[in-house]
Amino acid sequence: MRNLLLFSLVFICLFCACKKDTISLQVNNCVVPTTNRLNTIHFVSPTIGYAAGGIQFSEPTLVKTIDGGISWQSIDLPKSGEQKEIYGLDADINGKIITCGYGGTIFLSNDSASTFSYHQHSSWKELRDVSIRSADSACMVGGTDFDSGHISVVRCDGSGNFQFYQQFNFEFRDIDFIDSLHGYIAGYGAILVTHDGGQHWDFTSAKNDFFVSMCWKNSQEGIAVGYEGSIIKTEDGGQHWKTVRNGNAIITKKIHLLAVERNTNTNLIAVGEKGIALFSKDDGNSWVEIQSFTHQHLRSVYFRDSEHAFICGDNGHIFCVTE
């Protein structure tokens, strides 16, 4: 009887906390010319953006907007190579686009998606994310089954050999270069940092989750989220991490996070499975749950500008979220 009473009190407290810590934001469902899963979204300006995904074994998908996300158009990709799902994408305002995906598939464009070239990574390993490091090179990370990860360098024009130069015994999911020298990688139970453009990678003090996504204010201040629902924050380049949300705590609502992004001010959004979306307006120090607007898995988020965030996910969904 005593245990039943204790359980009831804990349940009531959790229920009230979940109901209290929610916020209502304006959400619009964009019209997108695909029902394939979309894994990543990226804007290079307030008007131009890309989202990518596909079907794992049979089809890469890329869509583009030139009107700030109001409408999206399908982009044709080369049929000459392997047709596999895209997991990661990076792009810049100069027209450079790099994707990476299942089985080591890579698509490159230097003319804002007018044309693409196909490239096959020599390892044929799964590539999860890519970050443009400099004007002529980018870094890619990947891995499978939580116990094997790898880092590669690729030339942005597709020339030369890919440098498959470093392997680890755990999977990587996200890579962010803040500038040509400083970068971070998130993965299974760890976050790594480089200060020399990726020649050497060191462990930060992050631990206790499968870290799947990061966003950075500068080379020192960043937020990372874990698949088990943890949110951690650093202000010293990863030497120390503050646990903002402990996804492993017994009294914490169980959620699975997949992505996090920030705007140019202090707002952040984190998204994940079964439509979970969290919002912070104080630089990631506290979070509230956004009232549910879908039950689809949400896989990526990007701020088009300081006020509009775009979220993509399963079944070709792209949502525009405004505070």
Protein backbone atom coordinates (compact mmCIF):
# COMPACT_ATOMS: atom_id res chain seq x y z
CA MET A 1 0.00 0.00 0.00
CA ARG A 2 2.84 2.31 0.91
CA ASN A 3 4.62 1.62 -2.41
CA LEU A 4 1.39 2.20 -4.32
CA LEU A 5 0.92 5.57 -2.65
CA LEU A 6 4.50 6.58 -3.42
CA PHE A 7 4.09 5.54 -7.06
CA SER A 8 0.86 7.55 -7.32
CA LEU A 9 2.52 10.68 -5.95
CA VAL A 10 5.42 10.37 -8.37
CA PHE A 11 3.03 9.84 -11.29
CA ILE A 12 0.96 12.90 -10.33
CA CYS A 13 4.08 15.05 -10.04
CA LEU A 14 5.36 13.93 -13.43
CA PHE A 15 1.97 14.46 -15.05
CA CYS A 16 1.63 17.96 -13.66
CA ALA A 17 5.20 18.85 -14.65
CA CYS A 18 4.63 17.68 -18.23
CA LYS A 19 1.40 19.66 -18.50
CA LYS A 20 2.98 22.77 -17.01
CA ASP A 21 6.20 22.90 -19.04
CA THR A 22 4.68 23.34 -22.50
CA ILE A 23 4.52 26.22 -24.93
CA SER A 24 2.30 26.87 -27.92
CA LEU A 25 4.11 28.02 -31.07
CA GLN A 26 2.73 28.70 -34.54
CA VAL A 27 3.38 25.67 -36.76
CA ASN A 28 2.70 25.46 -40.51
CA ASN A 29 2.96 22.22 -42.50
CA CYS A 30 4.82 22.93 -45.74
CA VAL A 31 3.89 21.38 -49.08
CA VAL A 32 6.75 19.09 -50.11
CA PRO A 33 6.95 16.99 -53.33
CA THR A 34 7.95 13.73 -51.60
CA THR A 35 6.76 11.29 -48.98
CA ASN A 36 10.25 9.90 -48.41
CA ARG A 37 11.91 10.37 -45.06
CA LEU A 38 13.85 13.65 -44.73
CA ASN A 39 16.89 13.39 -42.46
CA THR A 40 18.52 16.80 -42.73
CA ILE A 41 17.60 20.42 -43.53
CA HIS A 42 19.84 23.42 -44.12
CA PHE A 43 19.34 27.06 -45.15
CA VAL A 44 22.14 29.11 -46.71
CA SER A 45 20.11 32.34 -46.73
CA PRO A 46 16.63 33.53 -45.69
CA THR A 47 15.33 32.37 -49.10
CA ILE A 48 17.43 29.36 -50.15
CA GLY A 49 17.32 26.04 -48.34
CA TYR A 50 17.72 22.29 -48.89
CA ALA A 51 16.37 19.13 -47.28
CA ALA A 52 17.53 15.59 -48.00
CA GLY A 53 16.73 11.98 -47.20
CA GLY A 54 15.27 9.12 -49.22
CA ILE A 55 14.76 5.37 -49.03
CA GLN A 56 17.71 3.52 -47.51
CA PHE A 57 18.50 0.95 -50.18
CA SER A 58 16.94 2.44 -53.29
CA GLU A 59 16.51 6.23 -53.53
CA PRO A 60 18.25 9.49 -52.54
CA THR A 61 15.94 12.49 -52.16
CA LEU A 62 16.84 16.19 -52.33
CA VAL A 63 14.42 19.13 -52.30
CA LYS A 64 15.13 22.86 -52.54
CA THR A 65 13.32 26.10 -51.72
CA ILE A 66 14.09 29.52 -53.18
CA ASP A 67 11.26 31.39 -51.45
CA GLY A 68 12.12 30.85 -47.80
CA GLY A 69 10.34 27.52 -47.41
CA ILE A 70 6.95 28.50 -48.82
CA SER A 71 7.38 26.00 -51.66
CA TRP A 72 9.80 23.13 -52.29
CA GLN A 73 10.93 21.50 -55.55
CA SER A 74 12.56 18.12 -56.19
CA ILE A 75 16.16 18.18 -57.42
CA ASP A 76 17.37 15.56 -59.88
CA LEU A 77 20.44 13.63 -58.79
CA PRO A 78 22.77 11.52 -60.98
CA LYS A 79 21.50 8.01 -61.74
CA SER A 80 24.93 6.64 -62.61
CA GLY A 81 25.97 5.68 -59.09
CA GLU A 82 24.48 3.89 -56.11
CA GLN A 83 20.95 5.04 -55.31
CA LYS A 84 20.93 5.20 -51.50
CA GLU A 85 19.40 7.36 -48.77
CA ILE A 86 21.05 10.68 -47.86
CA TYR A 87 21.79 11.23 -44.16
CA GLY A 88 23.83 14.43 -44.04
CA LEU A 89 24.11 17.68 -46.00
CA ASP A 90 26.07 20.90 -45.79
CA ALA A 91 25.94 23.91 -48.11
CA ASP A 92 27.17 27.49 -48.35
CA ILE A 93 26.02 30.71 -49.93
CA ASN A 94 28.56 30.34 -52.78
CA GLY A 95 26.64 27.40 -54.24
CA LYS A 96 28.61 24.53 -52.71
CA ILE A 97 26.50 21.52 -51.62
CA ILE A 98 27.81 18.23 -50.22
CA THR A 99 25.69 15.26 -49.19
CA CYS A 100 26.63 11.93 -47.65
CA GLY A 101 24.65 8.79 -47.05
CA TYR A 102 24.16 5.08 -46.82
CA GLY A 103 26.96 2.90 -48.17
CA GLY A 104 29.38 5.80 -48.60
CA THR A 105 27.37 7.64 -51.26
CA ILE A 106 28.26 11.29 -51.89
CA PHE A 107 26.75 13.98 -54.14
CA LEU A 108 28.61 17.24 -54.87
CA SER A 109 27.43 20.49 -56.46
CA ASN A 110 29.19 23.81 -56.94
CA ASP A 111 26.34 25.63 -58.68
CA SER A 112 23.51 25.71 -56.11
CA ALA A 113 22.07 22.32 -57.17
CA SER A 114 21.87 23.03 -60.91
CA THR A 115 24.17 20.05 -61.49
CA PHE A 116 25.57 17.29 -59.28
CA SER A 117 28.38 14.77 -59.52
CA TYR A 118 28.29 11.38 -57.82
CA HIS A 119 31.20 10.03 -55.79
CA GLN A 120 31.62 6.72 -53.99
CA HIS A 121 33.58 6.67 -50.75
CA SER A 122 36.25 4.00 -51.09
CA SER A 123 35.35 2.42 -47.77
CA TRP A 124 31.68 1.91 -48.71
CA LYS A 125 30.97 2.71 -45.07
CA GLU A 126 27.90 4.52 -43.78
CA LEU A 127 28.34 8.31 -43.79
CA ARG A 128 26.16 10.16 -41.28
CA ASP A 129 27.09 13.84 -41.49
CA VAL A 130 29.32 16.31 -43.31
CA SER A 131 30.67 19.76 -42.44
CA ILE A 132 32.40 22.13 -44.86
CA ARG A 133 35.75 22.88 -43.23
CA SER A 134 37.21 25.38 -45.71
CA ALA A 135 36.71 26.68 -49.24
CA ASP A 136 38.06 23.46 -50.75
CA SER A 137 37.48 20.67 -48.21
CA ALA A 138 34.94 19.08 -45.90
CA CYS A 139 34.97 16.45 -43.16
CA MET A 140 32.58 13.49 -42.98
CA VAL A 141 31.77 11.14 -40.12
CA GLY A 142 29.82 7.93 -39.81
CA GLY A 143 29.63 4.47 -38.37
CA THR A 144 27.30 1.57 -37.69
CA ASP A 145 25.97 -0.54 -34.84
CA PHE A 146 27.33 1.77 -32.12
CA ASP A 147 30.77 0.12 -32.20
CA SER A 148 32.59 1.48 -35.24
CA GLY A 149 33.15 5.06 -36.35
CA HIS A 150 35.25 6.89 -38.90
CA ILE A 151 36.33 10.37 -39.98
CA SER A 152 37.16 11.30 -43.58
CA VAL A 153 38.23 14.34 -45.58
CA VAL A 154 36.80 15.09 -49.02
CA ARG A 155 37.75 17.77 -51.53
CA CYS A 156 34.76 19.93 -52.34
CA ASP A 157 35.36 19.69 -56.09
CA GLY A 158 35.46 15.88 -55.96
CA SER A 159 39.04 15.64 -57.17
CA GLY A 160 41.70 13.37 -55.71
CA ASN A 161 41.28 10.46 -53.35
CA PHE A 162 39.16 10.54 -50.22
CA GLN A 163 41.35 10.33 -47.14
CA PHE A 164 39.87 7.62 -44.96
CA TYR A 165 42.35 8.37 -42.24
CA GLN A 166 40.95 7.74 -38.78
CA GLN A 167 38.80 5.03 -37.23
CA PHE A 168 37.29 4.65 -33.77
CA ASN A 169 35.48 1.89 -31.90
CA PHE A 170 32.22 3.81 -31.55
CA GLU A 171 29.74 5.39 -33.94
CA PHE A 172 29.66 9.08 -34.94
CA ARG A 173 26.47 10.97 -35.86
CA ASP A 174 27.24 14.70 -36.13
CA ILE A 175 30.17 16.94 -37.10
CA ASP A 176 30.34 20.74 -36.87
CA PHE A 177 33.25 22.95 -37.90
CA ILE A 178 32.93 26.43 -36.39
CA ASP A 179 35.85 27.67 -38.51
CA SER A 180 38.67 26.05 -40.48
CA LEU A 181 40.50 24.98 -37.31
CA HIS A 182 37.90 24.32 -34.63
CA GLY A 183 35.47 21.43 -34.94
CA TYR A 184 33.46 18.94 -32.89
CA ILE A 185 32.13 15.42 -33.43
CA ALA A 186 29.25 13.84 -31.50
CA GLY A 187 28.88 10.10 -31.12
CA TYR A 188 28.16 7.11 -28.94
CA GLY A 189 29.10 8.15 -25.40
CA ALA A 190 31.52 10.88 -26.44
CA ILE A 191 32.11 14.28 -28.04
CA LEU A 192 35.48 14.97 -29.69
CA VAL A 193 37.19 18.30 -30.44
CA THR A 194 39.88 19.45 -32.87
CA HIS A 195 41.88 22.67 -32.82
CA ASP A 196 43.95 22.01 -35.95
CA GLY A 197 41.40 21.48 -38.68
CA GLY A 198 40.87 17.79 -37.95
CA GLN A 199 44.45 16.53 -37.98
CA HIS A 200 44.05 15.50 -34.35
CA TRP A 201 40.90 14.80 -32.33
CA ASP A 202 40.67 14.77 -28.53
CA PHE A 203 37.92 13.64 -26.18
CA THR A 204 35.96 16.26 -24.29
CA SER A 205 34.44 15.42 -20.89
CA ALA A 206 30.97 14.63 -22.33
CA LYS A 207 29.56 11.22 -21.36
CA ASN A 208 26.48 9.17 -20.42
CA ASP A 209 24.44 9.36 -23.64
CA PHE A 210 24.56 8.60 -27.34
CA PHE A 211 25.19 12.17 -28.52
CA VAL A 212 23.51 12.63 -31.89
CA SER A 213 23.49 16.39 -32.54
CA MET A 214 25.18 19.65 -31.56
CA CYS A 215 24.91 23.37 -32.25
CA TRP A 216 27.54 26.00 -31.53
CA LYS A 217 27.38 29.71 -30.72
CA ASN A 218 31.14 29.99 -31.19
CA SER A 219 34.18 27.75 -30.74
CA GLN A 220 33.66 27.65 -26.96
CA GLU A 221 29.90 27.68 -26.33
CA GLY A 222 27.77 24.78 -27.49
CA ILE A 223 24.77 22.55 -26.82
CA ALA A 224 24.59 18.79 -27.45
CA VAL A 225 21.65 16.39 -27.24
CA GLY A 226 21.59 12.64 -26.75
CA TYR A 227 19.32 9.95 -28.09
CA GLU A 228 18.23 9.08 -24.53
CA GLY A 229 17.02 12.65 -24.02
CA SER A 230 19.98 14.33 -22.32
CA ILE A 231 20.85 17.96 -23.04
CA ILE A 232 24.30 19.22 -22.07
CA LYS A 233 25.96 22.62 -22.40
CA THR A 234 29.56 23.83 -22.46
CA GLU A 235 31.06 27.31 -22.23
CA ASP A 236 34.72 26.31 -22.40
CA GLY A 237 35.06 24.23 -25.54
CA GLY A 238 34.04 20.96 -23.95
CA GLN A 239 36.42 20.93 -21.00
CA HIS A 240 33.34 20.95 -18.80
CA TRP A 241 29.72 20.14 -19.62
CA LYS A 242 26.70 21.16 -17.58
CA THR A 243 23.83 18.67 -17.62
CA VAL A 244 20.71 20.70 -18.35
CA ARG A 245 18.46 17.67 -18.86
CA ASN A 246 19.41 14.19 -17.64
CA GLY A 247 17.74 11.74 -19.96
CA ASN A 248 18.74 8.81 -17.75
CA ALA A 249 17.10 10.14 -14.57
CA ILE A 250 14.17 8.02 -13.40
CA ILE A 251 11.89 11.02 -12.87
CA THR A 252 12.66 12.54 -16.29
CA LYS A 253 10.15 12.01 -19.09
CA LYS A 254 11.56 9.43 -21.50
CA ILE A 255 12.12 10.89 -24.96
CA HIS A 256 14.50 10.21 -27.84
CA LEU A 257 16.16 13.33 -29.28
CA LEU A 258 17.66 13.44 -32.78
CA ALA A 259 18.63 17.07 -33.50
CA VAL A 260 19.19 20.52 -32.00
CA GLU A 261 19.77 23.95 -33.55
CA ARG A 262 19.95 27.59 -32.48
CA ASN A 263 19.23 30.96 -34.04
CA THR A 264 21.51 33.99 -33.98
CA ASN A 265 20.07 35.09 -30.65
CA THR A 266 19.28 32.85 -27.66
CA ASN A 267 16.51 30.60 -29.01
CA LEU A 268 17.04 26.88 -29.56
CA ILE A 269 14.86 23.97 -30.68
CA ALA A 270 15.52 20.26 -30.12
CA VAL A 271 13.48 17.58 -31.88
CA GLY A 272 13.15 13.83 -31.86
CA GLU A 273 11.05 10.72 -32.21
CA LYS A 274 7.23 10.64 -32.05
CA GLY A 275 6.97 14.37 -32.71
CA ILE A 276 8.82 15.55 -29.60
CA ALA A 277 10.01 19.16 -29.82
CA LEU A 278 11.60 21.25 -27.07
CA PHE A 279 12.15 25.01 -27.01
CA SER A 280 14.62 27.21 -25.14
CA LYS A 281 14.70 31.00 -25.16
CA ASP A 282 17.55 31.45 -22.66
CA ASP A 283 20.51 30.01 -24.56
CA GLY A 284 19.74 26.42 -23.60
CA ASN A 285 19.69 26.85 -19.83
CA SER A 286 16.05 25.74 -19.56
CA TRP A 287 13.66 23.95 -21.91
CA VAL A 288 9.91 23.58 -22.36
CA GLU A 289 8.03 21.13 -24.53
CA ILE A 290 6.31 22.52 -27.62
CA GLN A 291 2.67 21.46 -27.77
CA SER A 292 2.36 18.44 -30.04
CA PHE A 293 1.82 19.16 -33.74
CA THR A 294 2.69 15.72 -35.19
CA HIS A 295 3.41 12.13 -34.21
CA GLN A 296 5.99 11.70 -36.98
CA HIS A 297 9.66 11.31 -36.07
CA LEU A 298 11.37 14.72 -36.40
CA ARG A 299 14.96 14.33 -37.58
CA SER A 300 16.47 17.76 -38.23
CA VAL A 301 15.89 21.44 -37.46
CA TYR A 302 17.39 24.65 -38.87
CA PHE A 303 16.65 28.35 -38.31
CA ARG A 304 16.06 30.17 -41.60
CA ASP A 305 16.42 33.45 -39.69
CA SER A 306 16.05 34.60 -36.09
CA GLU A 307 12.27 33.99 -36.07
CA HIS A 308 11.54 30.98 -38.31
CA ALA A 309 12.74 27.42 -37.71
CA PHE A 310 12.19 24.59 -40.19
CA ILE A 311 11.87 21.00 -39.00
CA CYS A 312 11.91 17.94 -41.26
CA GLY A 313 11.16 14.29 -40.64
CA ASP A 314 9.39 11.14 -41.71
CA ASN A 315 7.00 10.88 -44.66
CA GLY A 316 8.39 13.99 -46.32
CA HIS A 317 7.18 16.41 -43.66
CA ILE A 318 8.66 19.90 -43.30
CA PHE A 319 7.21 22.21 -40.66
CA CYS A 320 7.80 25.95 -40.20
CA VAL A 321 7.79 26.95 -36.52
CA THR A 322 7.43 30.56 -35.38
CA GLU A 323 7.42 31.85 -31.82
